[in-house]
Amino acid sequence: MTSDNHATEDEAEGGQLRASTLELFFDLVFVFTITQLTHAYTHHPGWAAFGQVVLMFGVIWWMYDGYIWLTNEVAPNSSVRRTWLLVGMFGFFVLALAVPGAFSGSGITFGLAYVLINLVHTGLFYSNGGSTVTATVVRLGICNGVSAGLVLAGGFVHGWPRYLLWALALAVQILTPYLINPSGFVIRATHFCERHGLVVIVAIGESIIAVGAGLAGRDITPGLIAMVALALTLAYVLWWAFFGFDDERGEQALDALPGVQRGRPAVLAYGYAIFALMIGIILTAAGIQMSIAHGNESVPAGAALALSGGVALYFVGQWAFRLVLGLPRPWWRLVAAVATVATAPIGVAWVAWGQLAVLVVVAYGFVIADDVVGVRHGDHSRYLPARRKN
């Protein structure tokens, strides 16, 4: 079946084929969530903060991605649906407010907001989803309910039990696609991939915000302007690495699959792989903010690892994304990840701007080399049209 036939079939089923402005409005809360998580790391950079960010973003991402699956099936085309989506949006906003103190004083608020988000998601999906997804939503709602209960329970305890309960909640979410059959969900590839692409753009935008945040109260000097240019270039490299080819390729690969076979690769590529990619963006944004703050000085190991390690995680996420969807040269992103994380010692042993400059050159070099190989093999995208044959 061709892509056009898939689109006609999805439209006939009443599916949502393009992202709506309400969904873009919904994404504004996600900007705040990413900002809060970035600040949570920069406040006390290190492995403990990294673990907290992974746990918090893990449970948040599962449900945020769940709302993308929801609106892929349940278009916000009525007042009742829009109202409940706004209630869910309110839950995500409260959740984001609780992020900075989630492992200290606001754990209960975090848990209660998470329960609200789950209830709205399951209720909307069950009451408005098509007949093919109802049974699957019931099983999904049970798994999500267990996870939400663990998050809420974790909010009432302190210390290592909270870490344990939230880790168990994340484990339940990771295992859920293997406990239920995701083929029961209808995946409308155009809308589904566009929504995930927009979320990645929103997250990369946080790295731009980090540049401005790092400049607060500083004198604007030629050296500082040069470092800003490097930071913006790195943000562009992240954008191009995914949107130059992989975003479009991913949609084509998912759309080419029969409807009942899209569920599993959709979970693996746009759930698990994008999760690693997004954690990479959060760490990179934190690293940029801390690096700009140090400028012509060396940086602590936590800051250096956040910057280079964040880009490396981004490439690891892309490796998994390519691997799941059968896209070309997934191994190349793994090599790029190793090369980028190896630049971290430069910031510790030398200066922050030196690490940033070398990181930009290394990361962009691997992306460009990959593109050159692809173009020679006939690859093209909306940004790089196919070469004309003489």
Protein backbone atom coordinates (compact mmCIF):
# COMPACT_ATOMS: atom_id res chain seq x y z
CA MET A 1 0.00 0.00 0.00
CA THR A 2 1.42 3.43 -0.91
CA SER A 3 1.77 6.40 1.42
CA ASP A 4 -1.15 8.17 -0.32
CA ASN A 5 -3.36 5.12 0.18
CA HIS A 6 -2.41 5.00 3.87
CA ALA A 7 -3.33 8.67 4.26
CA THR A 8 -6.69 8.15 2.55
CA GLU A 9 -7.39 5.15 4.78
CA ASP A 10 -6.47 7.06 7.94
CA GLU A 11 -8.58 10.05 6.93
CA ALA A 12 -11.53 7.80 6.23
CA GLU A 13 -11.24 6.49 9.78
CA GLY A 14 -11.43 10.03 11.14
CA GLY A 15 -7.78 10.12 12.10
CA GLN A 16 -5.84 13.30 12.70
CA LEU A 17 -3.32 13.74 9.92
CA ARG A 18 -1.62 17.00 10.95
CA ALA A 19 -0.72 18.55 14.30
CA SER A 20 -3.30 21.01 15.59
CA THR A 21 -2.60 24.42 17.10
CA LEU A 22 -3.99 23.17 20.42
CA GLU A 23 -1.28 20.52 20.48
CA LEU A 24 1.33 23.21 19.83
CA PHE A 25 -0.18 25.17 22.71
CA PHE A 26 0.09 22.00 24.82
CA ASP A 27 3.79 21.81 23.94
CA LEU A 28 4.42 25.18 25.61
CA VAL A 29 4.16 23.41 28.96
CA PHE A 30 6.79 20.98 27.77
CA VAL A 31 9.18 23.91 27.23
CA PHE A 32 8.79 24.76 30.90
CA THR A 33 9.28 21.11 31.89
CA ILE A 34 12.57 20.87 29.96
CA THR A 35 13.70 24.17 31.51
CA GLN A 36 12.96 22.89 35.00
CA LEU A 37 14.82 19.64 34.40
CA THR A 38 17.81 21.53 33.01
CA HIS A 39 17.92 23.74 36.09
CA ALA A 40 17.57 20.68 38.32
CA TYR A 41 20.85 19.39 36.89
CA THR A 42 22.74 22.71 36.88
CA HIS A 43 21.85 23.33 40.54
CA HIS A 44 24.01 20.38 41.70
CA PRO A 45 25.70 18.88 38.61
CA GLY A 46 26.87 15.31 38.98
CA TRP A 47 25.75 11.71 38.88
CA ALA A 48 23.10 12.12 41.58
CA ALA A 49 21.46 14.97 39.65
CA PHE A 50 21.72 12.96 36.45
CA GLY A 51 19.92 10.03 38.09
CA GLN A 52 17.16 12.33 39.34
CA VAL A 53 16.69 13.87 35.89
CA VAL A 54 16.51 10.43 34.26
CA LEU A 55 13.88 9.21 36.75
CA MET A 56 11.76 12.36 36.57
CA PHE A 57 11.94 12.74 32.82
CA GLY A 58 11.41 9.00 32.36
CA VAL A 59 7.98 9.01 33.99
CA ILE A 60 7.11 12.41 32.51
CA TRP A 61 8.08 11.38 28.99
CA TRP A 62 6.04 8.18 29.16
CA MET A 63 2.86 10.14 29.79
CA TYR A 64 3.71 13.06 27.53
CA ASP A 65 4.34 10.61 24.72
CA GLY A 66 1.09 8.94 25.76
CA TYR A 67 -0.75 12.18 25.02
CA ILE A 68 0.76 12.18 21.53
CA TRP A 69 -0.66 8.68 21.03
CA LEU A 70 -3.94 9.97 22.46
CA THR A 71 -4.31 12.93 20.08
CA ASN A 72 -3.22 10.72 17.19
CA GLU A 73 -6.44 8.76 17.80
CA VAL A 74 -8.66 11.34 19.53
CA ALA A 75 -8.56 14.62 17.61
CA PRO A 76 -9.25 17.71 19.80
CA ASN A 77 -12.25 18.65 17.65
CA SER A 78 -14.88 19.20 20.35
CA SER A 79 -15.19 21.46 23.38
CA VAL A 80 -15.29 18.50 25.76
CA ARG A 81 -12.10 16.97 24.37
CA ARG A 82 -10.30 20.32 24.35
CA THR A 83 -11.36 21.01 27.92
CA TRP A 84 -10.01 17.70 29.17
CA LEU A 85 -6.76 18.21 27.27
CA LEU A 86 -6.39 21.55 29.03
CA VAL A 87 -6.93 19.76 32.36
CA GLY A 88 -4.12 17.41 31.38
CA MET A 89 -2.02 20.42 30.41
CA PHE A 90 -2.66 21.87 33.87
CA GLY A 91 -1.45 18.62 35.40
CA PHE A 92 1.79 18.76 33.40
CA PHE A 93 2.33 22.39 34.44
CA VAL A 94 1.95 21.54 38.14
CA LEU A 95 4.24 18.56 37.59
CA ALA A 96 6.87 20.88 36.09
CA LEU A 97 6.51 23.29 39.01
CA ALA A 98 7.28 20.41 41.37
CA VAL A 99 10.41 19.23 39.49
CA PRO A 100 13.05 21.31 41.37
CA GLY A 101 11.97 19.93 44.75
CA ALA A 102 10.64 16.56 43.62
CA PHE A 103 13.30 14.70 45.65
CA SER A 104 12.92 16.95 48.67
CA GLY A 105 9.79 18.90 49.55
CA SER A 106 7.41 18.67 46.57
CA GLY A 107 7.29 14.93 45.96
CA ILE A 108 3.63 14.66 46.95
CA THR A 109 2.66 17.46 44.55
CA PHE A 110 4.63 15.71 41.82
CA GLY A 111 2.79 12.45 42.52
CA LEU A 112 -0.70 13.99 42.67
CA ALA A 113 -0.16 15.88 39.41
CA TYR A 114 1.03 12.64 37.81
CA VAL A 115 -2.10 10.80 38.93
CA LEU A 116 -4.28 13.55 37.42
CA ILE A 117 -2.39 13.33 34.11
CA ASN A 118 -2.95 9.55 34.04
CA LEU A 119 -6.65 9.77 34.82
CA VAL A 120 -7.30 12.32 32.07
CA HIS A 121 -5.28 10.29 29.56
CA THR A 122 -7.03 6.99 30.27
CA GLY A 123 -10.50 8.58 30.47
CA LEU A 124 -10.17 10.45 27.18
CA PHE A 125 -8.67 7.48 25.40
CA TYR A 126 -11.31 5.03 26.64
CA SER A 127 -14.34 7.23 26.07
CA ASN A 128 -13.35 8.67 22.69
CA GLY A 129 -11.00 6.14 21.07
CA GLY A 130 -12.09 3.91 18.23
CA SER A 131 -13.42 0.40 18.74
CA THR A 132 -10.06 -1.15 17.85
CA VAL A 133 -8.25 0.54 20.74
CA THR A 134 -10.76 0.23 23.60
CA ALA A 135 -9.57 -3.16 24.89
CA THR A 136 -5.93 -2.11 24.56
CA VAL A 137 -6.58 1.13 26.45
CA VAL A 138 -8.06 -0.80 29.38
CA ARG A 139 -4.89 -2.86 29.74
CA LEU A 140 -2.72 0.22 29.22
CA GLY A 141 -4.72 2.12 31.84
CA ILE A 142 -4.09 -0.63 34.40
CA CYS A 143 -0.32 -0.53 33.77
CA ASN A 144 -0.28 3.27 33.85
CA GLY A 145 -2.33 3.21 37.05
CA VAL A 146 0.23 0.97 38.73
CA SER A 147 3.00 3.29 37.62
CA ALA A 148 1.13 6.38 38.83
CA GLY A 149 0.49 4.71 42.18
CA LEU A 150 4.21 4.06 42.59
CA VAL A 151 5.03 7.68 41.74
CA LEU A 152 2.46 8.93 44.26
CA ALA A 153 3.67 6.52 46.93
CA GLY A 154 7.21 7.71 46.33
CA GLY A 155 6.10 11.26 47.06
CA PHE A 156 5.15 10.27 50.61
CA VAL A 157 8.54 8.79 51.50
CA HIS A 158 12.03 10.25 51.56
CA GLY A 159 15.56 9.21 50.69
CA TRP A 160 16.34 6.00 48.85
CA PRO A 161 12.75 4.60 49.04
CA ARG A 162 11.60 7.45 46.76
CA TYR A 163 14.33 6.62 44.27
CA LEU A 164 13.33 2.95 44.43
CA LEU A 165 9.60 3.53 43.94
CA TRP A 166 10.09 5.94 41.06
CA ALA A 167 12.59 3.57 39.46
CA LEU A 168 9.98 0.80 39.74
CA ALA A 169 7.40 3.12 38.14
CA LEU A 170 9.78 3.72 35.23
CA ALA A 171 10.45 -0.03 34.97
CA VAL A 172 6.71 -0.72 34.73
CA GLN A 173 6.47 1.79 31.89
CA ILE A 174 9.42 0.27 30.04
CA LEU A 175 7.87 -3.19 30.33
CA THR A 176 4.32 -2.11 29.47
CA PRO A 177 4.67 -2.45 25.66
CA TYR A 178 5.71 -6.07 26.28
CA LEU A 179 2.79 -6.72 28.62
CA ILE A 180 0.19 -5.41 26.17
CA ASN A 181 0.07 -5.59 22.38
CA PRO A 182 0.54 -2.07 20.93
CA SER A 183 -0.75 -3.22 17.55
CA GLY A 184 -4.25 -2.42 18.83
CA PHE A 185 -3.50 1.29 18.46
CA VAL A 186 -4.00 3.06 15.16
CA ILE A 187 -0.78 4.90 14.21
CA ARG A 188 -1.36 7.67 11.69
CA ALA A 189 2.23 8.16 10.64
CA THR A 190 2.06 11.74 9.34
CA HIS A 191 0.59 13.19 12.53
CA PHE A 192 2.47 10.83 14.84
CA CYS A 193 5.91 11.65 13.41
CA GLU A 194 5.18 15.35 13.07
CA ARG A 195 4.18 15.59 16.74
CA HIS A 196 7.35 13.86 17.90
CA GLY A 197 9.42 16.09 15.64
CA LEU A 198 7.82 19.17 17.17
CA VAL A 199 8.63 17.93 20.67
CA VAL A 200 12.28 17.46 19.68
CA ILE A 201 12.31 21.03 18.30
CA VAL A 202 10.84 22.30 21.57
CA ALA A 203 13.58 20.51 23.52
CA ILE A 204 16.35 21.84 21.27
CA GLY A 205 14.88 25.28 21.87
CA GLU A 206 15.81 24.82 25.51
CA SER A 207 19.48 24.83 24.49
CA ILE A 208 18.85 28.27 22.99
CA ILE A 209 17.24 29.39 26.25
CA ALA A 210 20.28 28.02 28.08
CA VAL A 211 22.52 30.32 26.06
CA GLY A 212 20.55 33.36 27.22
CA ALA A 213 20.34 32.12 30.80
CA GLY A 214 24.10 31.69 30.91
CA LEU A 215 24.57 35.34 29.89
CA ALA A 216 22.56 36.84 32.75
CA GLY A 217 24.50 39.65 34.43
CA ARG A 218 27.60 39.25 32.25
CA ASP A 219 29.39 41.92 30.24
CA ILE A 220 28.98 41.46 26.50
CA THR A 221 32.53 41.04 25.19
CA PRO A 222 33.91 39.75 21.86
CA GLY A 223 34.93 36.52 23.59
CA LEU A 224 31.45 36.04 24.97
CA ILE A 225 29.88 36.69 21.56
CA ALA A 226 32.20 34.06 20.06
CA MET A 227 31.11 31.52 22.66
CA VAL A 228 27.46 32.32 21.97
CA ALA A 229 28.11 31.64 18.30
CA LEU A 230 29.60 28.25 19.19
CA ALA A 231 26.64 27.38 21.42
CA LEU A 232 24.11 28.31 18.74
CA THR A 233 26.09 26.30 16.20
CA LEU A 234 25.94 23.26 18.47
CA ALA A 235 22.15 23.67 18.75
CA TYR A 236 22.00 23.81 14.96
CA VAL A 237 24.10 20.63 14.72
CA LEU A 238 21.60 18.82 16.94
CA TRP A 239 18.74 20.07 14.78
CA TRP A 240 20.39 19.08 11.52
CA ALA A 241 21.53 15.69 12.81
CA PHE A 242 17.89 14.62 13.22
CA PHE A 243 15.88 16.83 10.87
CA GLY A 244 18.30 16.82 7.95
CA PHE A 245 17.31 13.26 7.01
CA ASP A 246 16.14 11.06 9.90
CA ASP A 247 12.88 12.84 10.70
CA GLU A 248 11.64 12.40 7.14
CA ARG A 249 13.07 8.91 6.79
CA GLY A 250 11.39 7.83 10.02
CA GLU A 251 7.97 8.90 8.82
CA GLN A 252 8.46 7.12 5.51
CA ALA A 253 9.61 3.93 7.23
CA LEU A 254 6.67 3.91 9.66
CA ASP A 255 4.14 4.79 6.98
CA ALA A 256 5.39 1.95 4.77
CA LEU A 257 4.40 -0.63 7.39
CA PRO A 258 0.90 -2.13 7.49
CA GLY A 259 -1.21 -0.51 10.20
CA VAL A 260 -1.17 -3.47 12.58
CA GLN A 261 2.62 -3.68 12.41
CA ARG A 262 3.34 -0.05 13.33
CA GLY A 263 2.76 -0.25 17.08
CA ARG A 264 5.96 -1.98 18.19
CA PRO A 265 8.42 0.05 16.08
CA ALA A 266 6.53 3.22 17.03
CA VAL A 267 7.10 2.47 20.72
CA LEU A 268 10.74 1.53 20.28
CA ALA A 269 11.74 4.36 17.91
CA TYR A 270 9.56 7.22 19.09
CA GLY A 271 9.28 6.17 22.72
CA TYR A 272 12.52 4.56 23.88
CA ALA A 273 14.98 6.00 21.33
CA ILE A 274 13.57 9.54 21.51
CA PHE A 275 13.76 9.29 25.31
CA ALA A 276 17.54 8.86 25.13
CA LEU A 277 17.74 11.63 22.54
CA MET A 278 15.73 13.99 24.77
CA ILE A 279 17.85 13.26 27.85
CA GLY A 280 20.82 14.15 25.68
CA ILE A 281 19.25 17.51 24.81
CA ILE A 282 18.54 18.28 28.48
CA LEU A 283 22.13 17.51 29.47
CA THR A 284 23.53 19.46 26.52
CA ALA A 285 21.43 22.50 27.46
CA ALA A 286 22.69 22.27 31.03
CA GLY A 287 26.26 21.89 29.80
CA ILE A 288 25.94 24.94 27.53
CA GLN A 289 24.58 27.05 30.38
CA MET A 290 27.38 26.05 32.74
CA SER A 291 30.08 26.38 30.07
CA ILE A 292 29.06 29.92 29.15
CA ALA A 293 29.10 30.81 32.83
CA HIS A 294 32.77 29.75 33.04
CA GLY A 295 33.89 31.03 29.64
CA ASN A 296 37.68 31.29 29.72
CA GLU A 297 38.04 29.00 32.74
CA SER A 298 38.06 25.27 33.26
CA VAL A 299 34.78 23.64 34.26
CA PRO A 300 33.89 20.98 36.84
CA ALA A 301 33.68 17.40 35.59
CA GLY A 302 29.89 17.40 35.97
CA ALA A 303 29.56 20.36 33.60
CA ALA A 304 32.02 18.99 31.06
CA LEU A 305 30.34 15.58 31.02
CA ALA A 306 26.91 17.16 30.68
CA LEU A 307 27.98 19.07 27.58
CA SER A 308 29.86 16.34 25.72
CA GLY A 309 27.93 13.44 27.23
CA GLY A 310 24.63 15.10 26.34
CA VAL A 311 25.57 15.25 22.66
CA ALA A 312 26.79 11.64 22.89
CA LEU A 313 23.43 10.51 24.34
CA TYR A 314 21.67 12.39 21.56
CA PHE A 315 23.65 10.36 19.03
CA VAL A 316 22.95 7.13 20.94
CA GLY A 317 19.25 7.92 20.69
CA GLN A 318 19.63 8.43 16.96
CA TRP A 319 21.50 5.14 16.67
CA ALA A 320 18.56 3.33 18.28
CA PHE A 321 16.06 5.28 16.17
CA ARG A 322 17.82 4.27 12.96
CA LEU A 323 18.30 0.69 14.08
CA VAL A 324 14.63 0.12 14.92
CA LEU A 325 13.29 1.67 11.70
CA GLY A 326 15.95 0.18 9.44
CA LEU A 327 17.42 3.54 8.45
CA PRO A 328 20.89 3.75 6.89
CA ARG A 329 24.15 3.69 8.87
CA PRO A 330 22.98 3.46 12.51
CA TRP A 331 26.50 2.45 13.58
CA TRP A 332 27.84 5.82 12.40
CA ARG A 333 25.95 7.58 15.19
CA LEU A 334 27.50 5.23 17.77
CA VAL A 335 30.98 6.13 16.54
CA ALA A 336 30.00 9.80 16.74
CA ALA A 337 28.82 9.29 20.33
CA VAL A 338 32.17 7.84 21.38
CA ALA A 339 34.06 10.66 19.67
CA THR A 340 31.95 13.43 21.21
CA VAL A 341 32.08 12.16 24.79
CA ALA A 342 35.87 11.95 24.43
CA THR A 343 35.97 15.77 24.23
CA ALA A 344 34.83 16.16 27.86
CA PRO A 345 38.35 16.22 29.41
CA ILE A 346 39.18 19.34 27.37
CA GLY A 347 36.84 21.46 29.48
CA VAL A 348 38.27 20.13 32.74
CA ALA A 349 41.95 20.31 31.77
CA TRP A 350 41.77 23.48 29.67
CA VAL A 351 38.90 25.98 29.23
CA ALA A 352 35.14 25.81 28.65
CA TRP A 353 35.18 27.52 25.27
CA GLY A 354 37.88 25.13 24.05
CA GLN A 355 35.74 22.10 24.84
CA LEU A 356 32.72 23.70 23.17
CA ALA A 357 34.72 24.55 20.03
CA VAL A 358 36.21 21.07 19.67
CA LEU A 359 32.82 19.47 20.39
CA VAL A 360 31.16 21.49 17.62
CA VAL A 361 33.87 20.50 15.13
CA VAL A 362 33.76 16.80 16.06
CA ALA A 363 29.95 16.50 16.18
CA TYR A 364 29.38 18.48 12.99
CA GLY A 365 32.17 16.60 11.25
CA PHE A 366 30.53 13.24 11.88
CA VAL A 367 27.11 14.53 10.80
CA ILE A 368 28.47 16.03 7.59
CA ALA A 369 30.49 12.90 6.77
CA ASP A 370 27.36 10.79 7.23
CA ASP A 371 25.39 13.15 4.96
CA VAL A 372 28.06 13.02 2.26
CA VAL A 373 27.93 9.22 2.21
CA GLY A 374 24.14 9.33 2.07
CA VAL A 375 24.00 11.83 -0.76
CA ARG A 376 26.46 9.74 -2.77
CA HIS A 377 24.06 6.80 -2.33
CA GLY A 378 21.16 8.88 -3.61
CA ASP A 379 19.62 10.02 -0.31
CA HIS A 380 17.64 13.25 -0.30
CA SER A 381 15.24 15.17 1.93
CA ARG A 382 13.16 18.32 1.91
CA TYR A 383 16.32 20.21 2.84
CA LEU A 384 18.60 18.46 0.33
CA PRO A 385 16.79 17.77 -2.96
CA ALA A 386 17.91 14.91 -5.13
CA ARG A 387 20.71 15.74 -7.51
CA ARG A 388 19.69 16.12 -11.12
CA LYS A 389 21.13 13.61 -13.52
CA ASN A 390 22.88 15.03 -16.58
